PDB file of N, CA and C in Angstrom:
ATOM      1  N   UNK A   1      -2.147 -18.925  -5.572  1.00  0.00           N
ATOM      2  CA  UNK A   1      -2.284 -17.556  -5.126  1.00  0.00           C
ATOM      3  C   UNK A   1      -0.931 -17.072  -4.613  1.00  0.00           C
ATOM      4  N   UNK A   2      -0.752 -15.715  -4.658  1.00  0.00           N
ATOM      5  CA  UNK A   2       0.564 -15.147  -4.374  1.00  0.00           C
ATOM      6  C   UNK A   2       0.444 -13.835  -3.612  1.00  0.00           C
ATOM      7  N   UNK A   3       1.468 -13.545  -2.811  1.00  0.00           N
ATOM      8  CA  UNK A   3       1.678 -12.200  -2.280  1.00  0.00           C
ATOM      9  C   UNK A   3       3.023 -11.731  -2.827  1.00  0.00           C
ATOM     10  N   UNK A   4       3.219 -10.431  -2.799  1.00  0.00           N
ATOM     11  CA  UNK A   4       4.446  -9.839  -3.315  1.00  0.00           C
ATOM     12  C   UNK A   4       5.009  -8.908  -2.260  1.00  0.00           C
ATOM     13  N   UNK A   5       6.306  -9.044  -1.995  1.00  0.00           N
ATOM     14  CA  UNK A   5       7.000  -8.133  -1.080  1.00  0.00           C
ATOM     15  C   UNK A   5       7.894  -7.221  -1.898  1.00  0.00           C
ATOM     16  N   UNK A   6       7.816  -5.926  -1.627  1.00  0.00           N
ATOM     17  CA  UNK A   6       8.666  -4.936  -2.297  1.00  0.00           C
ATOM     18  C   UNK A   6       9.061  -3.874  -1.281  1.00  0.00           C
ATOM     19  N   UNK A   7       9.915  -2.998  -1.723  1.00  0.00           N
ATOM     20  CA  UNK A   7      10.140  -1.749  -1.012  1.00  0.00           C
ATOM     21  C   UNK A   7       9.263  -0.708  -1.686  1.00  0.00           C
ATOM     22  N   UNK A   8       8.867   0.307  -0.933  1.00  0.00           N
ATOM     23  CA  UNK A   8       8.039   1.384  -1.455  1.00  0.00           C
ATOM     24  C   UNK A   8       8.667   2.707  -1.042  1.00  0.00           C
ATOM     25  N   UNK A   9       8.797   3.611  -2.010  1.00  0.00           N
ATOM     26  CA  UNK A   9       9.387   4.931  -1.759  1.00  0.00           C
ATOM     27  C   UNK A   9       8.595   5.981  -2.525  1.00  0.00           C
ATOM     28  N   UNK A  10       8.768   7.231  -2.151  1.00  0.00           N
ATOM     29  CA  UNK A  10       8.138   8.358  -2.839  1.00  0.00           C
ATOM     30  C   UNK A  10       6.622   8.209  -2.885  1.00  0.00           C
ATOM     31  N   UNK A  11       6.003   8.332  -1.727  1.00  0.00           N
ATOM     32  CA  UNK A  11       4.551   8.286  -1.640  1.00  0.00           C
ATOM     33  C   UNK A  11       4.097   9.229  -0.532  1.00  0.00           C
ATOM     34  N   UNK A  12       2.817   9.610  -0.598  1.00  0.00           N
ATOM     35  CA  UNK A  12       2.235  10.496   0.405  1.00  0.00           C
ATOM     36  C   UNK A  12       0.937   9.885   0.910  1.00  0.00           C
ATOM     37  N   UNK A  13       0.637  10.097   2.194  1.00  0.00           N
ATOM     38  CA  UNK A  13      -0.661   9.683   2.720  1.00  0.00           C
ATOM     39  C   UNK A  13      -1.415  10.851   3.355  1.00  0.00           C
ATOM     40  N   UNK A  14      -0.788  12.000   3.466  1.00  0.00           N
ATOM     41  CA  UNK A  14      -1.464  13.241   3.842  1.00  0.00           C
ATOM     42  C   UNK A  14      -0.667  14.379   3.213  1.00  0.00           C
ATOM     43  N   UNK A  15      -0.900  15.593   3.630  1.00  0.00           N
ATOM     44  CA  UNK A  15      -0.218  16.714   2.982  1.00  0.00           C
ATOM     45  C   UNK A  15       1.266  16.779   3.321  1.00  0.00           C
ATOM     46  N   UNK A  16       1.651  16.148   4.421  1.00  0.00           N
ATOM     47  CA  UNK A  16       3.065  16.042   4.762  1.00  0.00           C
ATOM     48  C   UNK A  16       3.682  14.909   3.961  1.00  0.00           C
ATOM     49  N   UNK A  17       4.963  14.941   3.813  1.00  0.00           N
ATOM     50  CA  UNK A  17       5.642  13.793   3.228  1.00  0.00           C
ATOM     51  C   UNK A  17       6.876  13.514   4.052  1.00  0.00           C
ATOM     52  N   UNK A  18       7.263  12.276   4.018  1.00  0.00           N
ATOM     53  CA  UNK A  18       8.452  11.875   4.748  1.00  0.00           C
ATOM     54  C   UNK A  18       9.336  11.100   3.800  1.00  0.00           C
ATOM     55  N   UNK A  19      10.618  11.390   3.821  1.00  0.00           N
ATOM     56  CA  UNK A  19      11.547  10.646   2.971  1.00  0.00           C
ATOM     57  C   UNK A  19      11.843   9.326   3.661  1.00  0.00           C
ATOM     58  N   UNK A  20      11.281   8.268   3.103  1.00  0.00           N
ATOM     59  CA  UNK A  20      11.471   6.962   3.701  1.00  0.00           C
ATOM     60  C   UNK A  20      11.296   5.878   2.646  1.00  0.00           C
ATOM     61  N   UNK A  21      11.819   4.732   2.960  1.00  0.00           N
ATOM     62  CA  UNK A  21      11.583   3.527   2.174  1.00  0.00           C
ATOM     63  C   UNK A  21      11.028   2.503   3.153  1.00  0.00           C
ATOM     64  N   UNK A  22       9.888   1.919   2.812  1.00  0.00           N
ATOM     65  CA  UNK A  22       9.268   0.923   3.681  1.00  0.00           C
ATOM     66  C   UNK A  22       9.166  -0.411   2.945  1.00  0.00           C
ATOM     67  N   UNK A  23       9.187  -1.484   3.697  1.00  0.00           N
ATOM     68  CA  UNK A  23       8.968  -2.813   3.138  1.00  0.00           C
ATOM     69  C   UNK A  23       7.479  -3.114   3.215  1.00  0.00           C
ATOM     70  N   UNK A  24       6.915  -3.566   2.086  1.00  0.00           N
ATOM     71  CA  UNK A  24       5.470  -3.764   1.984  1.00  0.00           C
ATOM     72  C   UNK A  24       5.162  -5.164   1.472  1.00  0.00           C
ATOM     73  N   UNK A  25       4.175  -5.817   2.079  1.00  0.00           N
ATOM     74  CA  UNK A  25       3.601  -7.042   1.525  1.00  0.00           C
ATOM     75  C   UNK A  25       2.288  -6.638   0.874  1.00  0.00           C
ATOM     76  N   UNK A  26       2.166  -6.904  -0.417  1.00  0.00           N
ATOM     77  CA  UNK A  26       1.013  -6.467  -1.202  1.00  0.00           C
ATOM     78  C   UNK A  26      -0.067  -7.534  -1.245  1.00  0.00           C
ATOM     79  N   UNK A  27      -1.308  -7.088  -1.059  1.00  0.00           N
ATOM     80  CA  UNK A  27      -2.509  -7.905  -1.204  1.00  0.00           C
ATOM     81  C   UNK A  27      -3.478  -7.155  -2.111  1.00  0.00           C
ATOM     82  N   UNK A  28      -4.412  -7.867  -2.679  1.00  0.00           N
ATOM     83  CA  UNK A  28      -5.473  -7.257  -3.495  1.00  0.00           C
ATOM     84  C   UNK A  28      -6.603  -6.850  -2.549  1.00  0.00           C
ATOM     85  N   UNK A  29      -6.962  -5.575  -2.580  1.00  0.00           N
ATOM     86  CA  UNK A  29      -8.005  -5.056  -1.708  1.00  0.00           C
ATOM     87  C   UNK A  29      -9.368  -5.516  -2.205  1.00  0.00           C
ATOM     88  N   UNK A  30     -10.122  -6.134  -1.319  1.00  0.00           N
ATOM     89  CA  UNK A  30     -11.487  -6.555  -1.637  1.00  0.00           C
ATOM     90  C   UNK A  30     -12.480  -5.491  -1.186  1.00  0.00           C
ATOM     91  N   UNK A  31     -12.319  -5.008   0.048  1.00  0.00           N
ATOM     92  CA  UNK A  31     -13.187  -3.932   0.533  1.00  0.00           C
ATOM     93  C   UNK A  31     -12.459  -3.128   1.603  1.00  0.00           C
ATOM     94  N   UNK A  32     -12.791  -1.840   1.656  1.00  0.00           N
ATOM     95  CA  UNK A  32     -12.215  -0.908   2.623  1.00  0.00           C
ATOM     96  C   UNK A  32     -13.325   0.062   2.993  1.00  0.00           C
ATOM     97  N   UNK A  33     -13.864  -0.090   4.191  1.00  0.00           N
ATOM     98  CA  UNK A  33     -14.957   0.771   4.615  1.00  0.00           C
ATOM     99  C   UNK A  33     -14.935   0.879   6.146  1.00  0.00           C
ATOM    100  N   UNK A  34     -15.993   1.450   6.699  1.00  0.00           N
ATOM    101  CA  UNK A  34     -16.037   1.653   8.149  1.00  0.00           C
ATOM    102  C   UNK A  34     -16.024   0.341   8.927  1.00  0.00           C
ATOM    103  N   UNK A  35     -16.446  -0.747   8.279  1.00  0.00           N
ATOM    104  CA  UNK A  35     -16.470  -2.046   8.961  1.00  0.00           C
ATOM    105  C   UNK A  35     -15.081  -2.660   9.060  1.00  0.00           C
ATOM    106  N   UNK A  36     -14.196  -2.325   8.132  1.00  0.00           N
ATOM    107  CA  UNK A  36     -12.841  -2.868   8.173  1.00  0.00           C
ATOM    108  C   UNK A  36     -12.239  -3.048   6.802  1.00  0.00           C
ATOM    109  N   UNK A  37     -11.184  -3.851   6.755  1.00  0.00           N
ATOM    110  CA  UNK A  37     -10.452  -4.117   5.522  1.00  0.00           C
ATOM    111  C   UNK A  37     -10.514  -5.603   5.232  1.00  0.00           C
ATOM    112  N   UNK A  38     -10.768  -5.933   3.978  1.00  0.00           N
ATOM    113  CA  UNK A  38     -10.727  -7.319   3.527  1.00  0.00           C
ATOM    114  C   UNK A  38      -9.792  -7.363   2.324  1.00  0.00           C
ATOM    115  N   UNK A  39      -8.787  -8.227   2.371  1.00  0.00           N
ATOM    116  CA  UNK A  39      -7.798  -8.311   1.292  1.00  0.00           C
ATOM    117  C   UNK A  39      -7.445  -9.763   1.032  1.00  0.00           C
ATOM    118  N   UNK A  40      -7.050 -10.052  -0.215  1.00  0.00           N
ATOM    119  CA  UNK A  40      -6.743 -11.423  -0.619  1.00  0.00           C
ATOM    120  C   UNK A  40      -5.440 -11.473  -1.396  1.00  0.00           C
ATOM    121  N   UNK A  41      -4.892 -12.654  -1.491  1.00  0.00           N
ATOM    122  CA  UNK A  41      -3.697 -12.877  -2.305  1.00  0.00           C
ATOM    123  C   UNK A  41      -4.052 -12.691  -3.783  1.00  0.00           C
ATOM    124  N   UNK A  42      -3.019 -12.536  -4.606  1.00  0.00           N
ATOM    125  CA  UNK A  42      -3.198 -12.317  -6.039  1.00  0.00           C
ATOM    126  C   UNK A  42      -3.264 -13.629  -6.805  1.00  0.00           C
ATOM    127  N   UNK A  43      -4.055 -13.635  -7.876  1.00  0.00           N
ATOM    128  CA  UNK A  43      -3.968 -14.726  -8.844  1.00  0.00           C
ATOM    129  C   UNK A  43      -2.697 -14.499  -9.661  1.00  0.00           C
ATOM    130  N   UNK A  44      -2.293 -15.463 -10.455  1.00  0.00           N
ATOM    131  CA  UNK A  44      -1.088 -15.316 -11.292  1.00  0.00           C
ATOM    132  C   UNK A  44      -1.237 -14.123 -12.240  1.00  0.00           C
ATOM    133  N   UNK A  45      -2.413 -13.963 -12.827  1.00  0.00           N
ATOM    134  CA  UNK A  45      -2.654 -12.851 -13.759  1.00  0.00           C
ATOM    135  C   UNK A  45      -2.566 -11.508 -13.036  1.00  0.00           C
ATOM    136  N   UNK A  46      -3.176 -11.405 -11.853  1.00  0.00           N
ATOM    137  CA  UNK A  46      -3.111 -10.160 -11.077  1.00  0.00           C
ATOM    138  C   UNK A  46      -1.684  -9.857 -10.647  1.00  0.00           C
ATOM    139  N   UNK A  47      -0.943 -10.894 -10.262  1.00  0.00           N
ATOM    140  CA  UNK A  47       0.460 -10.720  -9.879  1.00  0.00           C
ATOM    141  C   UNK A  47       1.268 -10.179 -11.054  1.00  0.00           C
ATOM    142  N   UNK A  48       1.050 -10.721 -12.235  1.00  0.00           N
ATOM    143  CA  UNK A  48       1.763 -10.243 -13.426  1.00  0.00           C
ATOM    144  C   UNK A  48       1.447  -8.775 -13.706  1.00  0.00           C
ATOM    145  N   UNK A  49       0.196  -8.367 -13.533  1.00  0.00           N
ATOM    146  CA  UNK A  49      -0.182  -6.963 -13.743  1.00  0.00           C
ATOM    147  C   UNK A  49       0.508  -6.052 -12.734  1.00  0.00           C
ATOM    148  N   UNK A  50       0.542  -6.473 -11.479  1.00  0.00           N
ATOM    149  CA  UNK A  50       1.206  -5.674 -10.450  1.00  0.00           C
ATOM    150  C   UNK A  50       2.701  -5.574 -10.727  1.00  0.00           C
ATOM    151  N   UNK A  51       3.334  -6.671 -11.098  1.00  0.00           N
ATOM    152  CA  UNK A  51       4.770  -6.640 -11.390  1.00  0.00           C
ATOM    153  C   UNK A  51       5.071  -5.772 -12.608  1.00  0.00           C
ATOM    154  N   UNK A  52       4.185  -5.771 -13.586  1.00  0.00           N
ATOM    155  CA  UNK A  52       4.361  -4.899 -14.745  1.00  0.00           C
ATOM    156  C   UNK A  52       4.284  -3.432 -14.328  1.00  0.00           C
ATOM    157  N   UNK A  53       3.331  -3.097 -13.452  1.00  0.00           N
ATOM    158  CA  UNK A  53       3.204  -1.742 -12.935  1.00  0.00           C
ATOM    159  C   UNK A  53       4.461  -1.344 -12.168  1.00  0.00           C
ATOM    160  N   UNK A  54       4.961  -2.235 -11.343  1.00  0.00           N
ATOM    161  CA  UNK A  54       6.168  -1.976 -10.554  1.00  0.00           C
ATOM    162  C   UNK A  54       7.368  -1.739 -11.467  1.00  0.00           C
ATOM    163  N   UNK A  55       7.490  -2.544 -12.505  1.00  0.00           N
ATOM    164  CA  UNK A  55       8.599  -2.390 -13.452  1.00  0.00           C
ATOM    165  C   UNK A  55       8.572  -1.038 -14.156  1.00  0.00           C
ATOM    166  N   UNK A  56       7.373  -0.469 -14.345  1.00  0.00           N
ATOM    167  CA  UNK A  56       7.227   0.823 -15.012  1.00  0.00           C
ATOM    168  C   UNK A  56       7.448   1.997 -14.061  1.00  0.00           C
ATOM    169  N   UNK A  57       7.540   1.727 -12.769  1.00  0.00           N
ATOM    170  CA  UNK A  57       7.685   2.777 -11.756  1.00  0.00           C
ATOM    171  C   UNK A  57       8.836   2.479 -10.800  1.00  0.00           C
ATOM    172  N   UNK A  58      10.067   2.346 -11.313  1.00  0.00           N
ATOM    173  CA  UNK A  58      11.187   1.949 -10.454  1.00  0.00           C
ATOM    174  C   UNK A  58      11.522   2.972  -9.364  1.00  0.00           C
ATOM    175  N   UNK A  59      11.168   4.231  -9.570  1.00  0.00           N
ATOM    176  CA  UNK A  59      11.435   5.245  -8.562  1.00  0.00           C
ATOM    177  C   UNK A  59      10.629   4.950  -7.281  1.00  0.00           C
ATOM    178  N   UNK A  60       9.432   4.389  -7.451  1.00  0.00           N
ATOM    179  CA  UNK A  60       8.574   4.102  -6.313  1.00  0.00           C
ATOM    180  C   UNK A  60       8.814   2.723  -5.715  1.00  0.00           C
ATOM    181  N   UNK A  61       9.450   1.843  -6.488  1.00  0.00           N
ATOM    182  CA  UNK A  61       9.662   0.467  -6.041  1.00  0.00           C
ATOM    183  C   UNK A  61      11.136   0.086  -6.188  1.00  0.00           C
ATOM    184  N   UNK A  62      12.009   0.661  -5.340  1.00  0.00           N
ATOM    185  CA  UNK A  62      13.429   0.326  -5.426  1.00  0.00           C
ATOM    186  C   UNK A  62      13.676  -1.073  -4.853  1.00  0.00           C
ATOM    187  N   UNK A  63      14.772  -1.631  -5.174  1.00  0.00           N
ATOM    188  CA  UNK A  63      15.114  -2.926  -4.577  1.00  0.00           C
ATOM    189  C   UNK A  63      14.476  -4.097  -5.305  1.00  0.00           C
ATOM    190  N   UNK A  64      14.578  -5.240  -4.672  1.00  0.00           N
ATOM    191  CA  UNK A  64      14.114  -6.486  -5.267  1.00  0.00           C
ATOM    192  C   UNK A  64      12.658  -6.770  -4.905  1.00  0.00           C
ATOM    193  N   UNK A  65      12.058  -7.649  -5.710  1.00  0.00           N
ATOM    194  CA  UNK A  65      10.717  -8.145  -5.437  1.00  0.00           C
ATOM    195  C   UNK A  65      10.818  -9.591  -4.979  1.00  0.00           C
ATOM    196  N   UNK A  66       9.969  -9.974  -4.047  1.00  0.00           N
ATOM    197  CA  UNK A  66       9.941 -11.351  -3.572  1.00  0.00           C
ATOM    198  C   UNK A  66       8.508 -11.867  -3.636  1.00  0.00           C
ATOM    199  N   UNK A  67       8.301 -12.900  -4.445  1.00  0.00           N
ATOM    200  CA  UNK A  67       6.980 -13.510  -4.595  1.00  0.00           C
ATOM    201  C   UNK A  67       6.887 -14.684  -3.626  1.00  0.00           C
ATOM    202  N   UNK A  68       5.741 -14.775  -2.950  1.00  0.00           N
ATOM    203  CA  UNK A  68       5.514 -15.890  -2.038  1.00  0.00           C
ATOM    204  C   UNK A  68       4.216 -16.584  -2.450  1.00  0.00           C
ATOM    205  N   UNK A  69       4.292 -17.875  -2.650  1.00  0.00           N
ATOM    206  CA  UNK A  69       3.084 -18.640  -2.953  1.00  0.00           C
ATOM    207  C   UNK A  69       2.287 -18.799  -1.664  1.00  0.00           C
ATOM    208  N   UNK A  70       0.984 -18.565  -1.743  1.00  0.00           N
ATOM    209  CA  UNK A  70       0.127 -18.637  -0.558  1.00  0.00           C
ATOM    210  C   UNK A  70      -1.010 -19.618  -0.819  1.00  0.00           C
ATOM    211  N   UNK A  71      -1.647 -20.078   0.224  1.00  0.00           N
ATOM    212  CA  UNK A  71      -2.748 -21.023   0.050  1.00  0.00           C
ATOM    213  C   UNK A  71      -4.054 -20.363  -0.399  1.00  0.00           C
ATOM    214  N   UNK A  72      -4.003 -19.137  -0.885  1.00  0.00           N
ATOM    215  CA  UNK A  72      -5.204 -18.478  -1.390  1.00  0.00           C
ATOM    216  C   UNK A  72      -5.941 -17.663  -0.353  1.00  0.00           C
ATOM    217  N   UNK A  73      -5.376 -17.560   0.807  1.00  0.00           N
ATOM    218  CA  UNK A  73      -6.066 -16.806   1.837  1.00  0.00           C
ATOM    219  C   UNK A  73      -5.625 -15.353   1.849  1.00  0.00           C
ATOM    220  N   UNK A  74      -6.326 -14.569   2.561  1.00  0.00           N
ATOM    221  CA  UNK A  74      -5.998 -13.166   2.726  1.00  0.00           C
ATOM    222  C   UNK A  74      -6.183 -12.818   4.188  1.00  0.00           C
ATOM    223  N   UNK A  75      -6.720 -11.646   4.450  1.00  0.00           N
ATOM    224  CA  UNK A  75      -6.987 -11.279   5.836  1.00  0.00           C
ATOM    225  C   UNK A  75      -8.168 -10.329   5.898  1.00  0.00           C
ATOM    226  N   UNK A  76      -8.787 -10.314   7.033  1.00  0.00           N
ATOM    227  CA  UNK A  76      -9.835  -9.356   7.376  1.00  0.00           C
ATOM    228  C   UNK A  76      -9.417  -8.717   8.682  1.00  0.00           C
ATOM    229  N   UNK A  77      -9.576  -7.426   8.761  1.00  0.00           N
ATOM    230  CA  UNK A  77      -9.261  -6.737  10.007  1.00  0.00           C
ATOM    231  C   UNK A  77     -10.354  -5.712  10.278  1.00  0.00           C
ATOM    232  N   UNK A  78     -10.813  -5.616  11.505  1.00  0.00           N
ATOM    233  CA  UNK A  78     -11.840  -4.610  11.804  1.00  0.00           C
ATOM    234  C   UNK A  78     -11.270  -3.209  11.668  1.00  0.00           C
ATOM    235  N   UNK A  79     -12.154  -2.261  11.443  1.00  0.00           N
ATOM    236  CA  UNK A  79     -11.734  -0.861  11.342  1.00  0.00           C
ATOM    237  C   UNK A  79     -11.312  -0.372  12.715  1.00  0.00           C
ATOM    238  N   UNK A  80     -10.049  -0.130  12.864  1.00  0.00           N
ATOM    239  CA  UNK A  80      -9.509   0.426  14.113  1.00  0.00           C
ATOM    240  C   UNK A  80      -8.739   1.666  13.687  1.00  0.00           C
ATOM    241  N   UNK A  81      -9.459   2.720  13.373  1.00  0.00           N
ATOM    242  CA  UNK A  81      -8.802   3.876  12.779  1.00  0.00           C
ATOM    243  C   UNK A  81      -8.468   4.954  13.789  1.00  0.00           C
ATOM    244  N   UNK A  82      -8.159   4.559  15.001  1.00  0.00           N
ATOM    245  CA  UNK A  82      -7.719   5.544  15.972  1.00  0.00           C
ATOM    246  C   UNK A  82      -6.347   6.081  15.601  1.00  0.00           C
ATOM    247  N   UNK A  83      -5.971   7.179  16.184  1.00  0.00           N
ATOM    248  CA  UNK A  83      -4.667   7.758  15.884  1.00  0.00           C
ATOM    249  C   UNK A  83      -3.553   6.857  16.398  1.00  0.00           C
ATOM    250  N   UNK A  84      -2.491   6.796  15.661  1.00  0.00           N
ATOM    251  CA  UNK A  84      -1.324   6.027  16.048  1.00  0.00           C
ATOM    252  C   UNK A  84      -0.275   6.963  16.616  1.00  0.00           C
ATOM    253  N   UNK A  85       0.655   6.406  17.350  1.00  0.00           N
ATOM    254  CA  UNK A  85       1.788   7.192  17.806  1.00  0.00           C
ATOM    255  C   UNK A  85       2.971   6.972  16.883  1.00  0.00           C
ATOM    256  N   UNK A  86       2.721   6.332  15.766  1.00  0.00           N
ATOM    257  CA  UNK A  86       3.747   6.038  14.777  1.00  0.00           C
ATOM    258  C   UNK A  86       3.608   7.008  13.608  1.00  0.00           C
ATOM    259  N   UNK A  87       4.692   7.333  12.938  1.00  0.00           N
ATOM    260  CA  UNK A  87       4.591   8.253  11.797  1.00  0.00           C
ATOM    261  C   UNK A  87       4.071   7.575  10.532  1.00  0.00           C
ATOM    262  N   UNK A  88       3.796   6.264  10.579  1.00  0.00           N
ATOM    263  CA  UNK A  88       3.403   5.540   9.378  1.00  0.00           C
ATOM    264  C   UNK A  88       2.199   4.651   9.652  1.00  0.00           C
ATOM    265  N   UNK A  89       1.209   4.643   8.765  1.00  0.00           N
ATOM    266  CA  UNK A  89       0.066   3.741   8.932  1.00  0.00           C
ATOM    267  C   UNK A  89       0.492   2.275   8.822  1.00  0.00           C
ATOM    268  N   UNK A  90      -0.324   1.384   9.373  1.00  0.00           N
ATOM    269  CA  UNK A  90      -0.071  -0.049   9.268  1.00  0.00           C
ATOM    270  C   UNK A  90      -0.478  -0.556   7.896  1.00  0.00           C
ATOM    271  N   UNK A  91      -1.631  -0.099   7.396  1.00  0.00           N
ATOM    272  CA  UNK A  91      -2.149  -0.533   6.095  1.00  0.00           C
ATOM    273  C   UNK A  91      -2.100   0.638   5.123  1.00  0.00           C
ATOM    274  N   UNK A  92      -1.336   0.501   4.047  1.00  0.00           N
ATOM    275  CA  UNK A  92      -1.245   1.502   2.987  1.00  0.00           C
ATOM    276  C   UNK A  92      -2.093   1.000   1.828  1.00  0.00           C
ATOM    277  N   UNK A  93      -2.994   1.823   1.328  1.00  0.00           N
ATOM    278  CA  UNK A  93      -3.905   1.398   0.271  1.00  0.00           C
ATOM    279  C   UNK A  93      -3.648   2.237  -0.963  1.00  0.00           C
ATOM    280  N   UNK A  94      -3.105   1.588  -1.993  1.00  0.00           N
ATOM    281  CA  UNK A  94      -2.783   2.239  -3.260  1.00  0.00           C
ATOM    282  C   UNK A  94      -3.940   2.006  -4.212  1.00  0.00           C
ATOM    283  N   UNK A  95      -4.506   3.089  -4.733  1.00  0.00           N
ATOM    284  CA  UNK A  95      -5.633   2.959  -5.650  1.00  0.00           C
ATOM    285  C   UNK A  95      -5.588   4.090  -6.660  1.00  0.00           C
ATOM    286  N   UNK A  96      -6.335   3.906  -7.726  1.00  0.00           N
ATOM    287  CA  UNK A  96      -6.382   4.950  -8.754  1.00  0.00           C
ATOM    288  C   UNK A  96      -7.118   6.190  -8.268  1.00  0.00           C
ATOM    289  N   UNK A  97      -7.962   6.055  -7.250  1.00  0.00           N
ATOM    290  CA  UNK A  97      -8.733   7.181  -6.727  1.00  0.00           C
ATOM    291  C   UNK A  97      -8.255   7.595  -5.338  1.00  0.00           C
ATOM    292  N   UNK A  98      -6.983   7.505  -5.081  1.00  0.00           N
ATOM    293  CA  UNK A  98      -6.475   7.839  -3.754  1.00  0.00           C
ATOM    294  C   UNK A  98      -6.755   9.296  -3.403  1.00  0.00           C
ATOM    295  N   UNK A  99      -7.160   9.498  -2.171  1.00  0.00           N
ATOM    296  CA  UNK A  99      -7.439  10.839  -1.666  1.00  0.00           C
ATOM    297  C   UNK A  99      -6.587  11.039  -0.419  1.00  0.00           C
ATOM    298  N   UNK A 100      -5.769  12.070  -0.437  1.00  0.00           N
ATOM    299  CA  UNK A 100      -4.922  12.358   0.722  1.00  0.00           C
ATOM    300  C   UNK A 100      -5.746  12.975   1.840  1.00  0.00           C
ATOM    301  N   UNK A 101      -5.362  12.678   3.066  1.00  0.00           N
ATOM    302  CA  UNK A 101      -6.007  13.320   4.212  1.00  0.00           C
ATOM    303  C   UNK A 101      -5.462  14.740   4.326  1.00  0.00           C
ATOM    304  N   UNK A 102      -6.327  15.717   4.495  1.00  0.00           N
ATOM    305  CA  UNK A 102      -5.861  17.110   4.575  1.00  0.00           C
ATOM    306  C   UNK A 102      -5.268  17.472   5.931  1.00  0.00           C
ATOM    307  N   UNK A 103      -5.464  16.624   6.937  1.00  0.00           N
ATOM    308  CA  UNK A 103      -4.972  16.943   8.271  1.00  0.00           C
ATOM    309  C   UNK A 103      -3.718  16.129   8.577  1.00  0.00           C
ATOM    310  N   UNK A 104      -3.240  16.252   9.788  1.00  0.00           N
ATOM    311  CA  UNK A 104      -2.024  15.543  10.181  1.00  0.00           C
ATOM    312  C   UNK A 104      -2.303  14.228  10.878  1.00  0.00           C
ATOM    313  N   UNK A 105      -3.572  13.801  10.927  1.00  0.00           N
ATOM    314  CA  UNK A 105      -3.891  12.537  11.578  1.00  0.00           C
ATOM    315  C   UNK A 105      -3.251  11.379  10.835  1.00  0.00           C
ATOM    316  N   UNK A 106      -2.719  10.446  11.584  1.00  0.00           N
ATOM    317  CA  UNK A 106      -2.192   9.219  11.003  1.00  0.00           C
ATOM    318  C   UNK A 106      -3.060   8.089  11.536  1.00  0.00           C
ATOM    319  N   UNK A 107      -3.793   7.440  10.636  1.00  0.00           N
ATOM    320  CA  UNK A 107      -4.692   6.358  11.016  1.00  0.00           C
ATOM    321  C   UNK A 107      -4.046   5.023  10.686  1.00  0.00           C
ATOM    322  N   UNK A 108      -4.615   3.951  11.210  1.00  0.00           N
ATOM    323  CA  UNK A 108      -4.049   2.636  10.941  1.00  0.00           C
ATOM    324  C   UNK A 108      -4.171   2.252   9.472  1.00  0.00           C
ATOM    325  N   UNK A 109      -5.199   2.757   8.781  1.00  0.00           N
ATOM    326  CA  UNK A 109      -5.392   2.490   7.359  1.00  0.00           C
ATOM    327  C   UNK A 109      -5.488   3.819   6.633  1.00  0.00           C
ATOM    328  N   UNK A 110      -4.670   4.004   5.599  1.00  0.00           N
ATOM    329  CA  UNK A 110      -4.713   5.264   4.864  1.00  0.00           C
ATOM    330  C   UNK A 110      -4.474   5.034   3.386  1.00  0.00           C
ATOM    331  N   UNK A 111      -5.174   5.823   2.567  1.00  0.00           N
ATOM    332  CA  UNK A 111      -4.954   5.822   1.130  1.00  0.00           C
ATOM    333  C   UNK A 111      -3.628   6.525   0.860  1.00  0.00           C
ATOM    334  N   UNK A 112      -2.886   6.045  -0.148  1.00  0.00           N
ATOM    335  CA  UNK A 112      -1.625   6.686  -0.523  1.00  0.00           C
ATOM    336  C   UNK A 112      -1.627   7.012  -2.004  1.00  0.00           C
ATOM    337  N   UNK A 113      -0.788   7.959  -2.388  1.00  0.00           N
ATOM    338  CA  UNK A 113      -0.545   8.268  -3.794  1.00  0.00           C
ATOM    339  C   UNK A 113       0.951   8.184  -4.045  1.00  0.00           C
ATOM    340  N   UNK A 114       1.311   7.692  -5.213  1.00  0.00           N
ATOM    341  CA  UNK A 114       2.717   7.655  -5.604  1.00  0.00           C
ATOM    342  C   UNK A 114       3.129   9.035  -6.071  1.00  0.00           C
ATOM    343  N   UNK A 115       4.380   9.400  -5.824  1.00  0.00           N
ATOM    344  CA  UNK A 115       4.880  10.720  -6.196  1.00  0.00           C
ATOM    345  C   UNK A 115       6.228  10.587  -6.896  1.00  0.00           C
ATOM    346  N   UNK A 116       6.692  11.715  -7.421  1.00  0.00           N
ATOM    347  CA  UNK A 116       8.042  11.740  -7.971  1.00  0.00           C
ATOM    348  C   UNK A 116       9.023  12.066  -6.842  1.00  0.00           C
ATOM    349  N   UNK A 117      10.279  12.309  -7.181  1.00  0.00           N
ATOM    350  CA  UNK A 117      11.305  12.585  -6.151  1.00  0.00           C
ATOM    351  C   UNK A 117      11.023  13.859  -5.382  1.00  0.00           C
ATOM    352  N   UNK A 118      10.255  14.791  -5.980  1.00  0.00           N
ATOM    353  CA  UNK A 118       9.911  16.039  -5.308  1.00  0.00           C
ATOM    354  C   UNK A 118       8.579  15.925  -4.568  1.00  0.00           C
ATOM    355  N   UNK A 119       8.038  14.730  -4.463  1.00  0.00           N
ATOM    356  CA  UNK A 119       6.774  14.437  -3.801  1.00  0.00           C
ATOM    357  C   UNK A 119       5.604  15.144  -4.451  1.00  0.00           C
ATOM    358  N   UNK A 120       5.683  15.324  -5.759  1.00  0.00           N
ATOM    359  CA  UNK A 120       4.564  15.822  -6.548  1.00  0.00           C
ATOM    360  C   UNK A 120       3.849  14.614  -7.135  1.00  0.00           C
ATOM    361  N   UNK A 121       2.499  14.633  -7.095  1.00  0.00           N
ATOM    362  CA  UNK A 121       1.736  13.495  -7.604  1.00  0.00           C
ATOM    363  C   UNK A 121       1.893  13.359  -9.104  1.00  0.00           C
TER     364      UNK A 121
END
């Protein structure tokens, strides 16, 4: 099992956008609901799919990739979606059905969408 570390740029989690590059450790999302988040490391096949996606989107994934072999574990965290005093969520969730928050609330877990340099989806 594997995790992948990359940089992430050009993304939105609400109607605002911020020009930033963040370092991200990627996990495969198992569940995301009111009870919390459950995520696991990638299999070799899943890792290859993610790296292929990253290679096709260099604007969103600048810099190098670092693969780490893991013992197959992931993490579970309870839903603690109170407002943060930070401009960035702790857990960024990239999915094909991402929905941006229409308000300015920043929660600990938020769906994100990839954008171009002009922050258009």
